[in-house]
């Protein structure tokens, strides 16, 4: 008989370098795409916390950081950079502070297919 569950919770253990990576955007590599604009909508971004946005082109292993503009009134980070590529993944890295961390609601990217 298998048993499941948590034996003990450790509320002092914190993961200081949390991140998430999107699924591959524009998964058809045959059609080149021109990615142009990127958004991260957040519900909250407490004091001393941050969100860093980066990208990974064509399944490369090392992400490249995007320069973002914080739109506080809209609760968004925004970046503009034209990337011509077959596929793209976006990576969000979170800076946390004690028990506080940003809460992200949405990640979006605008792109257009290029001619065949």
PDB file of N, CA and C in Angstrom:
ATOM      1  N   UNK A   1       0.835  -1.169   0.000  1.00  0.00           N
ATOM      2  CA  UNK A   1       0.000   0.000   0.000  1.00  0.00           C
ATOM      3  C   UNK A   1       0.885   1.240   0.000  1.00  0.00           C
ATOM      4  N   UNK A   2       0.619   2.146  -0.928  1.00  0.00           N
ATOM      5  CA  UNK A   2       1.390   3.381  -1.026  1.00  0.00           C
ATOM      6  C   UNK A   2       0.754   4.453  -0.158  1.00  0.00           C
ATOM      7  N   UNK A   3       1.585   5.297   0.420  1.00  0.00           N
ATOM      8  CA  UNK A   3       1.055   6.426   1.184  1.00  0.00           C
ATOM      9  C   UNK A   3       1.634   7.715   0.605  1.00  0.00           C
ATOM     10  N   UNK A   4       0.861   8.770   0.679  1.00  0.00           N
ATOM     11  CA  UNK A   4       1.241  10.047   0.094  1.00  0.00           C
ATOM     12  C   UNK A   4       1.044  11.159   1.116  1.00  0.00           C
ATOM     13  N   UNK A   5       1.710  12.259   0.894  1.00  0.00           N
ATOM     14  CA  UNK A   5       1.488  13.420   1.747  1.00  0.00           C
ATOM     15  C   UNK A   5       2.790  14.038   2.193  1.00  0.00           C
ATOM     16  N   UNK A   6       2.661  15.064   2.978  1.00  0.00           N
ATOM     17  CA  UNK A   6       3.823  15.755   3.524  1.00  0.00           C
ATOM     18  C   UNK A   6       3.935  15.392   4.994  1.00  0.00           C
ATOM     19  N   UNK A   7       5.100  14.965   5.405  1.00  0.00           N
ATOM     20  CA  UNK A   7       5.312  14.624   6.803  1.00  0.00           C
ATOM     21  C   UNK A   7       5.485  15.880   7.651  1.00  0.00           C
ATOM     22  N   UNK A   8       6.181  16.858   7.092  1.00  0.00           N
ATOM     23  CA  UNK A   8       6.456  18.072   7.850  1.00  0.00           C
ATOM     24  C   UNK A   8       6.691  19.208   6.867  1.00  0.00           C
ATOM     25  N   UNK A   9       6.109  20.352   7.137  1.00  0.00           N
ATOM     26  CA  UNK A   9       6.344  21.538   6.315  1.00  0.00           C
ATOM     27  C   UNK A   9       7.416  22.389   6.965  1.00  0.00           C
ATOM     28  N   UNK A  10       8.340  22.889   6.158  1.00  0.00           N
ATOM     29  CA  UNK A  10       9.398  23.758   6.661  1.00  0.00           C
ATOM     30  C   UNK A  10       9.149  25.157   6.106  1.00  0.00           C
ATOM     31  N   UNK A  11       8.558  26.006   6.907  1.00  0.00           N
ATOM     32  CA  UNK A  11       8.208  27.357   6.449  1.00  0.00           C
ATOM     33  C   UNK A  11       9.425  28.275   6.348  1.00  0.00           C
ATOM     34  N   UNK A  12      10.584  27.845   6.830  1.00  0.00           N
ATOM     35  CA  UNK A  12      11.777  28.674   6.731  1.00  0.00           C
ATOM     36  C   UNK A  12      12.543  28.425   5.441  1.00  0.00           C
ATOM     37  N   UNK A  13      12.262  27.320   4.753  1.00  0.00           N
ATOM     38  CA  UNK A  13      12.954  27.011   3.496  1.00  0.00           C
ATOM     39  C   UNK A  13      12.339  27.851   2.377  1.00  0.00           C
ATOM     40  N   UNK A  14      13.149  28.692   1.768  1.00  0.00           N
ATOM     41  CA  UNK A  14      12.676  29.585   0.707  1.00  0.00           C
ATOM     42  C   UNK A  14      13.534  29.387  -0.533  1.00  0.00           C
ATOM     43  N   UNK A  15      12.900  29.416  -1.690  1.00  0.00           N
ATOM     44  CA  UNK A  15      13.622  29.306  -2.949  1.00  0.00           C
ATOM     45  C   UNK A  15      13.887  30.716  -3.465  1.00  0.00           C
ATOM     46  N   UNK A  16      15.124  31.175  -3.380  1.00  0.00           N
ATOM     47  CA  UNK A  16      15.465  32.572  -3.659  1.00  0.00           C
ATOM     48  C   UNK A  16      15.573  32.893  -5.143  1.00  0.00           C
ATOM     49  N   UNK A  17      15.706  31.913  -5.999  1.00  0.00           N
ATOM     50  CA  UNK A  17      15.895  32.213  -7.423  1.00  0.00           C
ATOM     51  C   UNK A  17      14.869  31.461  -8.279  1.00  0.00           C
ATOM     52  N   UNK A  18      13.608  31.712  -7.993  1.00  0.00           N
ATOM     53  CA  UNK A  18      12.537  31.061  -8.743  1.00  0.00           C
ATOM     54  C   UNK A  18      12.463  31.623 -10.162  1.00  0.00           C
ATOM     55  N   UNK A  19      12.060  30.790 -11.103  1.00  0.00           N
ATOM     56  CA  UNK A  19      11.879  31.239 -12.484  1.00  0.00           C
ATOM     57  C   UNK A  19      10.857  30.349 -13.165  1.00  0.00           C
ATOM     58  N   UNK A  20      10.359  30.813 -14.297  1.00  0.00           N
ATOM     59  CA  UNK A  20       9.512  29.982 -15.146  1.00  0.00           C
ATOM     60  C   UNK A  20       9.848  30.274 -16.596  1.00  0.00           C
ATOM     61  N   UNK A  21       9.647  29.281 -17.432  1.00  0.00           N
ATOM     62  CA  UNK A  21       9.905  29.402 -18.862  1.00  0.00           C
ATOM     63  C   UNK A  21       8.637  29.029 -19.607  1.00  0.00           C
ATOM     64  N   UNK A  22       8.274  29.819 -20.609  1.00  0.00           N
ATOM     65  CA  UNK A  22       7.069  29.530 -21.381  1.00  0.00           C
ATOM     66  C   UNK A  22       7.289  28.317 -22.273  1.00  0.00           C
ATOM     67  N   UNK A  23       6.213  27.841 -22.817  1.00  0.00           N
ATOM     68  CA  UNK A  23       6.307  26.847 -23.882  1.00  0.00           C
ATOM     69  C   UNK A  23       6.956  27.522 -25.086  1.00  0.00           C
ATOM     70  N   UNK A  24       7.349  26.744 -26.048  1.00  0.00           N
ATOM     71  CA  UNK A  24       7.946  27.303 -27.263  1.00  0.00           C
ATOM     72  C   UNK A  24       6.871  28.073 -28.020  1.00  0.00           C
ATOM     73  N   UNK A  25       7.170  29.329 -28.349  1.00  0.00           N
ATOM     74  CA  UNK A  25       6.251  30.174 -29.106  1.00  0.00           C
ATOM     75  C   UNK A  25       6.595  30.071 -30.581  1.00  0.00           C
ATOM     76  N   UNK A  26       5.590  29.964 -31.433  1.00  0.00           N
ATOM     77  CA  UNK A  26       5.843  29.836 -32.866  1.00  0.00           C
ATOM     78  C   UNK A  26       6.570  28.554 -33.171  1.00  0.00           C
ATOM     79  N   UNK A  27       5.996  27.429 -32.788  1.00  0.00           N
ATOM     80  CA  UNK A  27       6.711  26.152 -32.821  1.00  0.00           C
ATOM     81  C   UNK A  27       7.085  25.648 -34.216  1.00  0.00           C
ATOM     82  N   UNK A  28       6.521  26.201 -35.269  1.00  0.00           N
ATOM     83  CA  UNK A  28       6.859  25.776 -36.630  1.00  0.00           C
ATOM     84  C   UNK A  28       8.124  26.508 -37.082  1.00  0.00           C
ATOM     85  N   UNK A  29       9.271  25.846 -36.999  1.00  0.00           N
ATOM     86  CA  UNK A  29      10.550  26.502 -37.324  1.00  0.00           C
ATOM     87  C   UNK A  29      10.718  26.764 -38.810  1.00  0.00           C
ATOM     88  N   UNK A  30       9.914  26.114 -39.655  1.00  0.00           N
ATOM     89  CA  UNK A  30      10.026  26.316 -41.101  1.00  0.00           C
ATOM     90  C   UNK A  30       9.669  27.756 -41.472  1.00  0.00           C
ATOM     91  N   UNK A  31       8.698  28.315 -40.746  1.00  0.00           N
ATOM     92  CA  UNK A  31       8.271  29.684 -41.013  1.00  0.00           C
ATOM     93  C   UNK A  31       9.006  30.616 -40.063  1.00  0.00           C
ATOM     94  N   UNK A  32       9.817  31.499 -40.626  1.00  0.00           N
ATOM     95  CA  UNK A  32      10.530  32.472 -39.811  1.00  0.00           C
ATOM     96  C   UNK A  32       9.537  33.493 -39.277  1.00  0.00           C
ATOM     97  N   UNK A  33       9.791  33.966 -38.078  1.00  0.00           N
ATOM     98  CA  UNK A  33       8.906  34.924 -37.440  1.00  0.00           C
ATOM     99  C   UNK A  33       9.679  36.150 -37.001  1.00  0.00           C
ATOM    100  N   UNK A  34       8.958  37.246 -36.893  1.00  0.00           N
ATOM    101  CA  UNK A  34       9.532  38.474 -36.389  1.00  0.00           C
ATOM    102  C   UNK A  34       8.798  38.836 -35.097  1.00  0.00           C
ATOM    103  N   UNK A  35       9.415  38.523 -33.955  1.00  0.00           N
ATOM    104  CA  UNK A  35       8.866  38.879 -32.648  1.00  0.00           C
ATOM    105  C   UNK A  35       9.223  40.332 -32.380  1.00  0.00           C
ATOM    106  N   UNK A  36       8.264  41.104 -31.845  1.00  0.00           N
ATOM    107  CA  UNK A  36       8.505  42.546 -31.724  1.00  0.00           C
ATOM    108  C   UNK A  36       8.226  43.142 -30.351  1.00  0.00           C
ATOM    109  N   UNK A  37       7.265  42.598 -29.638  1.00  0.00           N
ATOM    110  CA  UNK A  37       6.863  43.219 -28.375  1.00  0.00           C
ATOM    111  C   UNK A  37       6.531  42.128 -27.372  1.00  0.00           C
ATOM    112  N   UNK A  38       6.845  42.402 -26.089  1.00  0.00           N
ATOM    113  CA  UNK A  38       6.699  41.409 -25.033  1.00  0.00           C
ATOM    114  C   UNK A  38       6.102  42.084 -23.797  1.00  0.00           C
ATOM    115  N   UNK A  39       5.154  41.397 -23.139  1.00  0.00           N
ATOM    116  CA  UNK A  39       4.521  41.935 -21.944  1.00  0.00           C
ATOM    117  C   UNK A  39       4.533  40.901 -20.829  1.00  0.00           C
ATOM    118  N   UNK A  40       4.629  41.402 -19.621  1.00  0.00           N
ATOM    119  CA  UNK A  40       4.399  40.597 -18.432  1.00  0.00           C
ATOM    120  C   UNK A  40       3.421  41.404 -17.580  1.00  0.00           C
ATOM    121  N   UNK A  41       2.225  40.870 -17.387  1.00  0.00           N
ATOM    122  CA  UNK A  41       1.233  41.528 -16.528  1.00  0.00           C
ATOM    123  C   UNK A  41       1.341  40.904 -15.147  1.00  0.00           C
ATOM    124  N   UNK A  42       1.413  41.757 -14.139  1.00  0.00           N
ATOM    125  CA  UNK A  42       1.540  41.244 -12.779  1.00  0.00           C
ATOM    126  C   UNK A  42       0.434  41.786 -11.885  1.00  0.00           C
ATOM    127  N   UNK A  43       0.056  40.958 -10.920  1.00  0.00           N
ATOM    128  CA  UNK A  43      -0.968  41.347  -9.952  1.00  0.00           C
ATOM    129  C   UNK A  43      -0.343  42.183  -8.840  1.00  0.00           C
ATOM    130  N   UNK A  44       0.869  41.784  -8.436  1.00  0.00           N
ATOM    131  CA  UNK A  44       1.586  42.550  -7.410  1.00  0.00           C
ATOM    132  C   UNK A  44       3.088  42.394  -7.618  1.00  0.00           C
ATOM    133  N   UNK A  45       3.807  43.435  -7.213  1.00  0.00           N
ATOM    134  CA  UNK A  45       5.271  43.421  -7.235  1.00  0.00           C
ATOM    135  C   UNK A  45       5.730  44.152  -5.972  1.00  0.00           C
ATOM    136  N   UNK A  46       5.762  43.427  -4.839  1.00  0.00           N
ATOM    137  CA  UNK A  46       6.087  44.059  -3.555  1.00  0.00           C
ATOM    138  C   UNK A  46       7.473  44.720  -3.546  1.00  0.00           C
ATOM    139  N   UNK A  47       7.671  45.590  -2.584  1.00  0.00           N
ATOM    140  CA  UNK A  47       8.946  46.278  -2.394  1.00  0.00           C
ATOM    141  C   UNK A  47      10.074  45.262  -2.286  1.00  0.00           C
ATOM    142  N   UNK A  48      11.196  45.586  -2.898  1.00  0.00           N
ATOM    143  CA  UNK A  48      12.405  44.744  -2.902  1.00  0.00           C
ATOM    144  C   UNK A  48      12.243  43.439  -3.665  1.00  0.00           C
ATOM    145  N   UNK A  49      11.243  43.350  -4.533  1.00  0.00           N
ATOM    146  CA  UNK A  49      11.108  42.188  -5.409  1.00  0.00           C
ATOM    147  C   UNK A  49      11.215  42.684  -6.844  1.00  0.00           C
ATOM    148  N   UNK A  50      11.438  41.768  -7.771  1.00  0.00           N
ATOM    149  CA  UNK A  50      11.576  42.170  -9.162  1.00  0.00           C
ATOM    150  C   UNK A  50      11.274  40.998 -10.081  1.00  0.00           C
ATOM    151  N   UNK A  51      11.058  41.334 -11.353  1.00  0.00           N
ATOM    152  CA  UNK A  51      10.831  40.346 -12.399  1.00  0.00           C
ATOM    153  C   UNK A  51      11.810  40.669 -13.522  1.00  0.00           C
ATOM    154  N   UNK A  52      12.587  39.704 -13.952  1.00  0.00           N
ATOM    155  CA  UNK A  52      13.510  39.871 -15.070  1.00  0.00           C
ATOM    156  C   UNK A  52      12.993  39.025 -16.225  1.00  0.00           C
ATOM    157  N   UNK A  53      12.895  39.641 -17.396  1.00  0.00           N
ATOM    158  CA  UNK A  53      12.402  38.959 -18.592  1.00  0.00           C
ATOM    159  C   UNK A  53      13.574  38.696 -19.530  1.00  0.00           C
ATOM    160  N   UNK A  54      13.676  37.467 -20.008  1.00  0.00           N
ATOM    161  CA  UNK A  54      14.718  37.130 -20.975  1.00  0.00           C
ATOM    162  C   UNK A  54      14.127  36.196 -22.029  1.00  0.00           C
ATOM    163  N   UNK A  55      14.903  35.943 -23.088  1.00  0.00           N
ATOM    164  CA  UNK A  55      14.412  35.094 -24.178  1.00  0.00           C
ATOM    165  C   UNK A  55      15.442  34.044 -24.553  1.00  0.00           C
ATOM    166  N   UNK A  56      14.928  32.979 -25.177  1.00  0.00           N
ATOM    167  CA  UNK A  56      15.765  31.888 -25.679  1.00  0.00           C
ATOM    168  C   UNK A  56      15.338  31.651 -27.125  1.00  0.00           C
ATOM    169  N   UNK A  57      16.242  31.862 -28.082  1.00  0.00           N
ATOM    170  CA  UNK A  57      15.948  31.670 -29.498  1.00  0.00           C
ATOM    171  C   UNK A  57      16.321  30.256 -29.939  1.00  0.00           C
ATOM    172  N   UNK A  58      15.451  29.652 -30.731  1.00  0.00           N
ATOM    173  CA  UNK A  58      15.732  28.374 -31.385  1.00  0.00           C
ATOM    174  C   UNK A  58      16.382  27.334 -30.474  1.00  0.00           C
ATOM    175  N   UNK A  59      15.821  27.163 -29.295  1.00  0.00           N
ATOM    176  CA  UNK A  59      16.240  26.119 -28.348  1.00  0.00           C
ATOM    177  C   UNK A  59      17.669  26.280 -27.830  1.00  0.00           C
ATOM    178  N   UNK A  60      18.222  27.482 -27.888  1.00  0.00           N
ATOM    179  CA  UNK A  60      19.546  27.693 -27.310  1.00  0.00           C
ATOM    180  C   UNK A  60      19.465  27.466 -25.804  1.00  0.00           C
ATOM    181  N   UNK A  61      20.577  27.332 -25.150  1.00  0.00           N
ATOM    182  CA  UNK A  61      20.559  27.009 -23.726  1.00  0.00           C
ATOM    183  C   UNK A  61      20.699  28.224 -22.820  1.00  0.00           C
ATOM    184  N   UNK A  62      21.296  29.298 -23.303  1.00  0.00           N
ATOM    185  CA  UNK A  62      21.530  30.462 -22.455  1.00  0.00           C
ATOM    186  C   UNK A  62      20.554  31.583 -22.802  1.00  0.00           C
ATOM    187  N   UNK A  63      19.739  32.019 -21.833  1.00  0.00           N
ATOM    188  CA  UNK A  63      18.807  33.110 -22.108  1.00  0.00           C
ATOM    189  C   UNK A  63      19.514  34.457 -22.181  1.00  0.00           C
ATOM    190  N   UNK A  64      18.927  35.377 -22.955  1.00  0.00           N
ATOM    191  CA  UNK A  64      19.420  36.741 -23.091  1.00  0.00           C
ATOM    192  C   UNK A  64      18.401  37.682 -22.453  1.00  0.00           C
ATOM    193  N   UNK A  65      18.852  38.556 -21.560  1.00  0.00           N
ATOM    194  CA  UNK A  65      17.950  39.450 -20.834  1.00  0.00           C
ATOM    195  C   UNK A  65      17.428  40.560 -21.740  1.00  0.00           C
ATOM    196  N   UNK A  66      16.128  40.811 -21.633  1.00  0.00           N
ATOM    197  CA  UNK A  66      15.487  41.911 -22.348  1.00  0.00           C
ATOM    198  C   UNK A  66      15.435  43.135 -21.437  1.00  0.00           C
ATOM    199  N   UNK A  67      15.608  44.308 -22.014  1.00  0.00           N
ATOM    200  CA  UNK A  67      15.420  45.546 -21.273  1.00  0.00           C
ATOM    201  C   UNK A  67      13.917  45.813 -21.210  1.00  0.00           C
ATOM    202  N   UNK A  68      13.400  46.030 -20.012  1.00  0.00           N
ATOM    203  CA  UNK A  68      11.970  46.244 -19.857  1.00  0.00           C
ATOM    204  C   UNK A  68      11.681  47.629 -19.295  1.00  0.00           C
ATOM    205  N   UNK A  69      10.488  48.077 -19.584  1.00  0.00           N
ATOM    206  CA  UNK A  69       9.979  49.332 -19.034  1.00  0.00           C
ATOM    207  C   UNK A  69       8.828  48.957 -18.114  1.00  0.00           C
ATOM    208  N   UNK A  70       8.850  49.464 -16.885  1.00  0.00           N
ATOM    209  CA  UNK A  70       7.780  49.167 -15.925  1.00  0.00           C
ATOM    210  C   UNK A  70       6.660  50.171 -16.126  1.00  0.00           C
ATOM    211  N   UNK A  71       5.463  49.657 -16.347  1.00  0.00           N
ATOM    212  CA  UNK A  71       4.265  50.482 -16.464  1.00  0.00           C
ATOM    213  C   UNK A  71       3.443  50.245 -15.199  1.00  0.00           C
ATOM    214  N   UNK A  72       3.806  50.957 -14.130  1.00  0.00           N
ATOM    215  CA  UNK A  72       3.234  50.737 -12.804  1.00  0.00           C
ATOM    216  C   UNK A  72       1.718  50.878 -12.800  1.00  0.00           C
ATOM    217  N   UNK A  73       1.185  51.911 -13.458  1.00  0.00           N
ATOM    218  CA  UNK A  73      -0.262  52.129 -13.461  1.00  0.00           C
ATOM    219  C   UNK A  73      -1.019  50.966 -14.092  1.00  0.00           C
ATOM    220  N   UNK A  74      -0.398  50.269 -15.022  1.00  0.00           N
ATOM    221  CA  UNK A  74      -1.042  49.154 -15.710  1.00  0.00           C
ATOM    222  C   UNK A  74      -0.617  47.796 -15.150  1.00  0.00           C
ATOM    223  N   UNK A  75       0.324  47.797 -14.229  1.00  0.00           N
ATOM    224  CA  UNK A  75       0.801  46.534 -13.660  1.00  0.00           C
ATOM    225  C   UNK A  75       1.459  45.665 -14.716  1.00  0.00           C
ATOM    226  N   UNK A  76       2.335  46.281 -15.514  1.00  0.00           N
ATOM    227  CA  UNK A  76       2.977  45.535 -16.600  1.00  0.00           C
ATOM    228  C   UNK A  76       4.446  45.890 -16.727  1.00  0.00           C
ATOM    229  N   UNK A  77       5.189  44.920 -17.235  1.00  0.00           N
ATOM    230  CA  UNK A  77       6.529  45.150 -17.771  1.00  0.00           C
ATOM    231  C   UNK A  77       6.364  45.046 -19.278  1.00  0.00           C
ATOM    232  N   UNK A  78       7.088  45.865 -20.012  1.00  0.00           N
ATOM    233  CA  UNK A  78       6.971  45.865 -21.472  1.00  0.00           C
ATOM    234  C   UNK A  78       8.359  45.971 -22.079  1.00  0.00           C
ATOM    235  N   UNK A  79       8.549  45.271 -23.176  1.00  0.00           N
ATOM    236  CA  UNK A  79       9.824  45.319 -23.876  1.00  0.00           C
ATOM    237  C   UNK A  79       9.577  45.346 -25.377  1.00  0.00           C
ATOM    238  N   UNK A  80      10.409  46.082 -26.086  1.00  0.00           N
ATOM    239  CA  UNK A  80      10.350  46.155 -27.546  1.00  0.00           C
ATOM    240  C   UNK A  80      11.719  45.761 -28.088  1.00  0.00           C
ATOM    241  N   UNK A  81      11.762  44.692 -28.851  1.00  0.00           N
ATOM    242  CA  UNK A  81      12.991  44.265 -29.505  1.00  0.00           C
ATOM    243  C   UNK A  81      12.607  43.337 -30.637  1.00  0.00           C
ATOM    244  N   UNK A  82      13.062  43.656 -31.834  1.00  0.00           N
ATOM    245  CA  UNK A  82      12.757  42.784 -32.970  1.00  0.00           C
ATOM    246  C   UNK A  82      13.719  41.608 -32.967  1.00  0.00           C
ATOM    247  N   UNK A  83      13.140  40.415 -32.902  1.00  0.00           N
ATOM    248  CA  UNK A  83      13.915  39.177 -32.946  1.00  0.00           C
ATOM    249  C   UNK A  83      13.386  38.346 -34.097  1.00  0.00           C
ATOM    250  N   UNK A  84      14.198  38.131 -35.102  1.00  0.00           N
ATOM    251  CA  UNK A  84      13.819  37.287 -36.225  1.00  0.00           C
ATOM    252  C   UNK A  84      14.354  35.890 -35.956  1.00  0.00           C
ATOM    253  N   UNK A  85      13.441  34.944 -35.806  1.00  0.00           N
ATOM    254  CA  UNK A  85      13.819  33.598 -35.400  1.00  0.00           C
ATOM    255  C   UNK A  85      12.730  32.607 -35.781  1.00  0.00           C
ATOM    256  N   UNK A  86      13.026  31.349 -35.673  1.00  0.00           N
ATOM    257  CA  UNK A  86      12.031  30.315 -35.919  1.00  0.00           C
ATOM    258  C   UNK A  86      11.172  30.057 -34.694  1.00  0.00           C
ATOM    259  N   UNK A  87      11.804  29.915 -33.523  1.00  0.00           N
ATOM    260  CA  UNK A  87      11.078  29.689 -32.274  1.00  0.00           C
ATOM    261  C   UNK A  87      11.633  30.593 -31.181  1.00  0.00           C
ATOM    262  N   UNK A  88      10.821  30.801 -30.168  1.00  0.00           N
ATOM    263  CA  UNK A  88      11.222  31.661 -29.061  1.00  0.00           C
ATOM    264  C   UNK A  88      10.577  31.148 -27.779  1.00  0.00           C
ATOM    265  N   UNK A  89      11.316  31.226 -26.704  1.00  0.00           N
ATOM    266  CA  UNK A  89      10.778  30.986 -25.375  1.00  0.00           C
ATOM    267  C   UNK A  89      11.082  32.209 -24.534  1.00  0.00           C
ATOM    268  N   UNK A  90      10.171  32.563 -23.647  1.00  0.00           N
ATOM    269  CA  UNK A  90      10.393  33.654 -22.707  1.00  0.00           C
ATOM    270  C   UNK A  90      10.631  33.064 -21.328  1.00  0.00           C
ATOM    271  N   UNK A  91      11.550  33.676 -20.589  1.00  0.00           N
ATOM    272  CA  UNK A  91      11.880  33.222 -19.244  1.00  0.00           C
ATOM    273  C   UNK A  91      11.686  34.383 -18.281  1.00  0.00           C
ATOM    274  N   UNK A  92      10.992  34.121 -17.186  1.00  0.00           N
ATOM    275  CA  UNK A  92      10.832  35.095 -16.117  1.00  0.00           C
ATOM    276  C   UNK A  92      11.624  34.618 -14.914  1.00  0.00           C
ATOM    277  N   UNK A  93      12.470  35.478 -14.393  1.00  0.00           N
ATOM    278  CA  UNK A  93      13.204  35.178 -13.161  1.00  0.00           C
ATOM    279  C   UNK A  93      12.697  36.145 -12.095  1.00  0.00           C
ATOM    280  N   UNK A  94      12.491  35.630 -10.893  1.00  0.00           N
ATOM    281  CA  UNK A  94      11.901  36.429  -9.825  1.00  0.00           C
ATOM    282  C   UNK A  94      12.909  36.703  -8.729  1.00  0.00           C
ATOM    283  N   UNK A  95      12.994  37.965  -8.316  1.00  0.00           N
ATOM    284  CA  UNK A  95      13.737  38.342  -7.128  1.00  0.00           C
ATOM    285  C   UNK A  95      12.720  38.405  -6.004  1.00  0.00           C
ATOM    286  N   UNK A  96      12.947  37.627  -4.965  1.00  0.00           N
ATOM    287  CA  UNK A  96      12.025  37.587  -3.835  1.00  0.00           C
ATOM    288  C   UNK A  96      12.658  38.276  -2.629  1.00  0.00           C
ATOM    289  N   UNK A  97      11.821  38.635  -1.665  1.00  0.00           N
ATOM    290  CA  UNK A  97      12.306  39.296  -0.462  1.00  0.00           C
ATOM    291  C   UNK A  97      11.537  38.737   0.734  1.00  0.00           C
ATOM    292  N   UNK A  98      12.205  37.939   1.551  1.00  0.00           N
ATOM    293  CA  UNK A  98      11.530  37.329   2.695  1.00  0.00           C
ATOM    294  C   UNK A  98      10.373  36.471   2.228  1.00  0.00           C
ATOM    295  N   UNK A  99       9.168  36.790   2.691  1.00  0.00           N
ATOM    296  CA  UNK A  99       7.971  36.063   2.290  1.00  0.00           C
ATOM    297  C   UNK A  99       7.271  36.719   1.104  1.00  0.00           C
ATOM    298  N   UNK A 100       7.861  37.756   0.525  1.00  0.00           N
ATOM    299  CA  UNK A 100       7.224  38.494  -0.574  1.00  0.00           C
ATOM    300  C   UNK A 100       7.813  38.092  -1.921  1.00  0.00           C
ATOM    301  N   UNK A 101       6.926  37.968  -2.910  1.00  0.00           N
ATOM    302  CA  UNK A 101       7.340  37.637  -4.269  1.00  0.00           C
ATOM    303  C   UNK A 101       6.328  38.251  -5.232  1.00  0.00           C
ATOM    304  N   UNK A 102       6.760  38.570  -6.450  1.00  0.00           N
ATOM    305  CA  UNK A 102       5.813  39.082  -7.444  1.00  0.00           C
ATOM    306  C   UNK A 102       4.777  38.020  -7.808  1.00  0.00           C
ATOM    307  N   UNK A 103       3.582  38.473  -8.166  1.00  0.00           N
ATOM    308  CA  UNK A 103       2.521  37.582  -8.643  1.00  0.00           C
ATOM    309  C   UNK A 103       2.241  37.921 -10.099  1.00  0.00           C
ATOM    310  N   UNK A 104       2.562  37.013 -11.001  1.00  0.00           N
ATOM    311  CA  UNK A 104       2.387  37.245 -12.440  1.00  0.00           C
ATOM    312  C   UNK A 104       1.070  36.635 -12.904  1.00  0.00           C
ATOM    313  N   UNK A 105       0.343  37.392 -13.735  1.00  0.00           N
ATOM    314  CA  UNK A 105      -0.928  36.919 -14.274  1.00  0.00           C
ATOM    315  C   UNK A 105      -0.826  36.474 -15.729  1.00  0.00           C
ATOM    316  N   UNK A 106       0.078  37.113 -16.498  1.00  0.00           N
ATOM    317  CA  UNK A 106       0.071  36.877 -17.945  1.00  0.00           C
ATOM    318  C   UNK A 106       1.432  37.193 -18.547  1.00  0.00           C
ATOM    319  N   UNK A 107       1.797  36.406 -19.545  1.00  0.00           N
ATOM    320  CA  UNK A 107       2.993  36.660 -20.344  1.00  0.00           C
ATOM    321  C   UNK A 107       2.519  36.634 -21.805  1.00  0.00           C
ATOM    322  N   UNK A 108       2.924  37.636 -22.583  1.00  0.00           N
ATOM    323  CA  UNK A 108       2.467  37.694 -23.970  1.00  0.00           C
ATOM    324  C   UNK A 108       3.601  38.181 -24.871  1.00  0.00           C
ATOM    325  N   UNK A 109       3.530  37.757 -26.137  1.00  0.00           N
ATOM    326  CA  UNK A 109       4.500  38.200 -27.146  1.00  0.00           C
ATOM    327  C   UNK A 109       3.752  38.443 -28.451  1.00  0.00           C
ATOM    328  N   UNK A 110       4.125  39.500 -29.137  1.00  0.00           N
ATOM    329  CA  UNK A 110       3.538  39.837 -30.433  1.00  0.00           C
ATOM    330  C   UNK A 110       4.538  39.468 -31.520  1.00  0.00           C
ATOM    331  N   UNK A 111       4.092  38.698 -32.516  1.00  0.00           N
ATOM    332  CA  UNK A 111       4.979  38.370 -33.628  1.00  0.00           C
ATOM    333  C   UNK A 111       4.184  38.243 -34.914  1.00  0.00           C
ATOM    334  N   UNK A 112       4.905  38.350 -36.016  1.00  0.00           N
ATOM    335  CA  UNK A 112       4.317  38.180 -37.350  1.00  0.00           C
ATOM    336  C   UNK A 112       5.144  37.155 -38.122  1.00  0.00           C
ATOM    337  N   UNK A 113       4.468  36.280 -38.881  1.00  0.00           N
ATOM    338  CA  UNK A 113       5.222  35.369 -39.735  1.00  0.00           C
ATOM    339  C   UNK A 113       5.917  36.171 -40.831  1.00  0.00           C
ATOM    340  N   UNK A 114       7.108  35.758 -41.206  1.00  0.00           N
ATOM    341  CA  UNK A 114       7.813  36.384 -42.324  1.00  0.00           C
ATOM    342  C   UNK A 114       7.561  35.575 -43.572  1.00  0.00           C
ATOM    343  N   UNK A 115       7.835  36.145 -44.721  1.00  0.00           N
ATOM    344  CA  UNK A 115       7.603  35.452 -46.000  1.00  0.00           C
ATOM    345  C   UNK A 115       8.339  34.141 -46.100  1.00  0.00           C
ATOM    346  N   UNK A 116       7.738  33.190 -46.829  1.00  0.00           N
ATOM    347  CA  UNK A 116       8.379  31.880 -47.029  1.00  0.00           C
ATOM    348  C   UNK A 116       9.465  31.959 -48.058  1.00  0.00           C
TER     349      UNK A 116
END
